[in-house]
C-alpha atoms as a PDB file:
ATOM      1  CA  MET A   1       0.000   0.000   0.000  1.00  0.00           C
ATOM      2  CA  ALA A   2       1.412   3.380  -0.988  1.00  0.00           C
ATOM      3  CA  ILE A   3       1.635   6.192   1.526  1.00  0.00           C
ATOM      4  CA  ALA A   4       0.748   9.657   0.274  1.00  0.00           C
ATOM      5  CA  LEU A   5       3.273  12.346   1.132  1.00  0.00           C
ATOM      6  CA  THR A   6       1.734  15.415   2.721  1.00  0.00           C
ATOM      7  CA  GLN A   7       4.621  17.670   1.707  1.00  0.00           C
ATOM      8  CA  THR A   8       5.977  18.195  -1.773  1.00  0.00           C
ATOM      9  CA  TRP A   9       9.740  17.806  -1.888  1.00  0.00           C
ATOM     10  CA  ASN A  10      11.473  20.113  -4.322  1.00  0.00           C
ATOM     11  CA  ARG A  11      14.888  18.569  -4.903  1.00  0.00           C
ATOM     12  CA  LYS A  12      16.087  21.411  -7.076  1.00  0.00           C
ATOM     13  CA  SER A  13      15.752  24.046  -4.363  1.00  0.00           C
ATOM     14  CA  SER A  14      16.674  21.744  -1.471  1.00  0.00           C
ATOM     15  CA  THR A  15      20.415  21.984  -1.017  1.00  0.00           C
ATOM     16  CA  VAL A  16      22.725  21.988   1.961  1.00  0.00           C
ATOM     17  CA  TYR A  17      22.595  25.788   1.707  1.00  0.00           C
ATOM     18  CA  THR A  18      18.806  26.059   1.771  1.00  0.00           C
ATOM     19  CA  ARG A  19      18.391  23.423   4.486  1.00  0.00           C
ATOM     20  CA  ALA A  20      20.963  25.079   6.744  1.00  0.00           C
ATOM     21  CA  LEU A  21      19.510  28.510   6.091  1.00  0.00           C
ATOM     22  CA  LEU A  22      15.939  27.413   6.803  1.00  0.00           C
ATOM     23  CA  ARG A  23      17.089  25.889  10.098  1.00  0.00           C
ATOM     24  CA  ALA A  24      18.974  29.098  10.987  1.00  0.00           C
ATOM     25  CA  ILE A  25      15.816  31.115  10.242  1.00  0.00           C
ATOM     26  CA  GLU A  26      13.880  28.806  12.546  1.00  0.00           C
ATOM     27  CA  ILE A  27      16.483  29.317  15.292  1.00  0.00           C
ATOM     28  CA  ALA A  28      16.485  33.105  14.797  1.00  0.00           C
ATOM     29  CA  GLY A  29      12.699  33.276  14.757  1.00  0.00           C
ATOM     30  CA  SER A  30      12.318  34.974  11.367  1.00  0.00           C
ATOM     31  CA  PRO A  31      14.205  35.827   8.185  1.00  0.00           C
ATOM     32  CA  ASP A  32      14.379  39.455   9.342  1.00  0.00           C
ATOM     33  CA  ALA A  33      15.924  38.480  12.689  1.00  0.00           C
ATOM     34  CA  LEU A  34      18.517  36.284  10.977  1.00  0.00           C
ATOM     35  CA  ALA A  35      19.328  39.023   8.460  1.00  0.00           C
ATOM     36  CA  ALA A  36      19.825  41.560  11.262  1.00  0.00           C
ATOM     37  CA  PHE A  37      22.032  39.123  13.171  1.00  0.00           C
ATOM     38  CA  LEU A  38      24.172  38.422  10.106  1.00  0.00           C
ATOM     39  CA  GLY A  39      24.334  42.079   9.055  1.00  0.00           C
ATOM     40  CA  SER A  40      22.648  41.149   5.818  1.00  0.00           C
ATOM     41  CA  SER A  41      19.443  42.203   4.135  1.00  0.00           C
ATOM     42  CA  SER A  42      16.122  40.405   4.460  1.00  0.00           C
ATOM     43  CA  ARG A  43      15.965  40.348   0.681  1.00  0.00           C
ATOM     44  CA  ASP A  44      19.258  38.425   0.495  1.00  0.00           C
ATOM     45  CA  VAL A  45      18.152  35.935   3.161  1.00  0.00           C
ATOM     46  CA  ASN A  46      14.901  35.303   1.298  1.00  0.00           C
ATOM     47  CA  THR A  47      16.731  34.882  -2.015  1.00  0.00           C
ATOM     48  CA  TRP A  48      19.138  32.384  -0.443  1.00  0.00           C
ATOM     49  CA  SER A  49      16.347  30.472   1.299  1.00  0.00           C
ATOM     50  CA  ARG A  50      14.543  29.988  -2.035  1.00  0.00           C
ATOM     51  CA  GLY A  51      17.736  28.607  -3.581  1.00  0.00           C
ATOM     52  CA  GLU A  52      17.935  31.410  -6.145  1.00  0.00           C
ATOM     53  CA  ALA A  53      21.492  32.257  -5.065  1.00  0.00           C
ATOM     54  CA  TYR A  54      24.043  31.015  -2.557  1.00  0.00           C
ATOM     55  CA  PRO A  55      25.143  33.074   0.425  1.00  0.00           C
ATOM     56  CA  PRO A  56      28.771  34.199   0.492  1.00  0.00           C
ATOM     57  CA  ILE A  57      30.992  31.578   2.148  1.00  0.00           C
ATOM     58  CA  PRO A  58      31.643  33.636   5.349  1.00  0.00           C
ATOM     59  CA  ILE A  59      27.886  34.029   5.838  1.00  0.00           C
ATOM     60  CA  PHE A  60      27.274  30.365   5.092  1.00  0.00           C
ATOM     61  CA  MET A  61      29.901  29.430   7.684  1.00  0.00           C
ATOM     62  CA  ALA A  62      28.107  31.657  10.220  1.00  0.00           C
ATOM     63  CA  ILE A  63      24.845  29.879   9.337  1.00  0.00           C
ATOM     64  CA  VAL A  64      26.542  26.516   9.921  1.00  0.00           C
ATOM     65  CA  ASP A  65      27.776  27.755  13.327  1.00  0.00           C
ATOM     66  CA  ILE A  66      24.245  28.896  14.226  1.00  0.00           C
ATOM     67  CA  VAL A  67      22.798  25.515  13.269  1.00  0.00           C
ATOM     68  CA  ALA A  68      25.552  23.604  15.106  1.00  0.00           C
ATOM     69  CA  ALA A  69      25.063  25.642  18.292  1.00  0.00           C
ATOM     70  CA  ASN A  70      21.277  25.707  17.875  1.00  0.00           C
ATOM     71  CA  ALA A  71      21.491  29.375  18.850  1.00  0.00           C
ATOM     72  CA  LEU A  72      22.514  32.809  17.625  1.00  0.00           C
ATOM     73  CA  THR A  73      25.966  32.956  19.182  1.00  0.00           C
ATOM     74  CA  PRO A  74      28.643  35.648  18.987  1.00  0.00           C
ATOM     75  CA  ALA A  75      31.091  32.966  17.839  1.00  0.00           C
ATOM     76  CA  ALA A  76      29.039  32.552  14.654  1.00  0.00           C
ATOM     77  CA  LEU A  77      29.906  36.117  13.686  1.00  0.00           C
ATOM     78  CA  GLU A  78      33.656  35.928  14.227  1.00  0.00           C
ATOM     79  CA  ASN A  79      34.585  35.802  10.540  1.00  0.00           C
ATOM     80  CA  LEU A  80      31.972  38.194   9.221  1.00  0.00           C
ATOM     81  CA  PRO A  81      32.937  41.731   8.175  1.00  0.00           C
ATOM     82  CA  ILE A  82      30.241  43.206  10.438  1.00  0.00           C
ATOM     83  CA  ALA A  83      31.819  41.588  13.517  1.00  0.00           C
ATOM     84  CA  ARG A  84      35.283  42.807  12.544  1.00  0.00           C
ATOM     85  CA  ALA A  85      33.902  46.317  12.051  1.00  0.00           C
ATOM     86  CA  ARG A  86      32.243  46.255  15.464  1.00  0.00           C
ATOM     87  CA  ARG A  87      35.493  45.136  17.131  1.00  0.00           C
ATOM     88  CA  SER A  88      37.567  47.795  15.379  1.00  0.00           C
ATOM     89  CA  SER A  89      35.110  50.549  16.289  1.00  0.00           C
ATOM     90  CA  GLY A  90      34.914  49.464  19.918  1.00  0.00           C
ATOM     91  CA  MET A  91      31.296  48.350  19.685  1.00  0.00           C
ATOM     92  CA  SER A  92      30.324  45.174  21.529  1.00  0.00           C
ATOM     93  CA  ASP A  93      28.649  42.181  19.851  1.00  0.00           C
END
């Protein structure tokens, strides 16, 4: 007996990038919250989550850190330009 799937799986748009990003959005609470945390735009986050483009590698690595920690952690931002700018200007993360 066949079991009907309740969710359509789109293999083309499901990549390690989109899966990690969707989990990071879930952890952050919204695409806007994740974008603000990453110092990115909501438009970019939405484009990446649809698989229309890939995030830059430093941002993807921050997303991987977020997913691995299951939290928005300062360590996830260590290699992002926004974190380096904050440190050089004396601002705290």
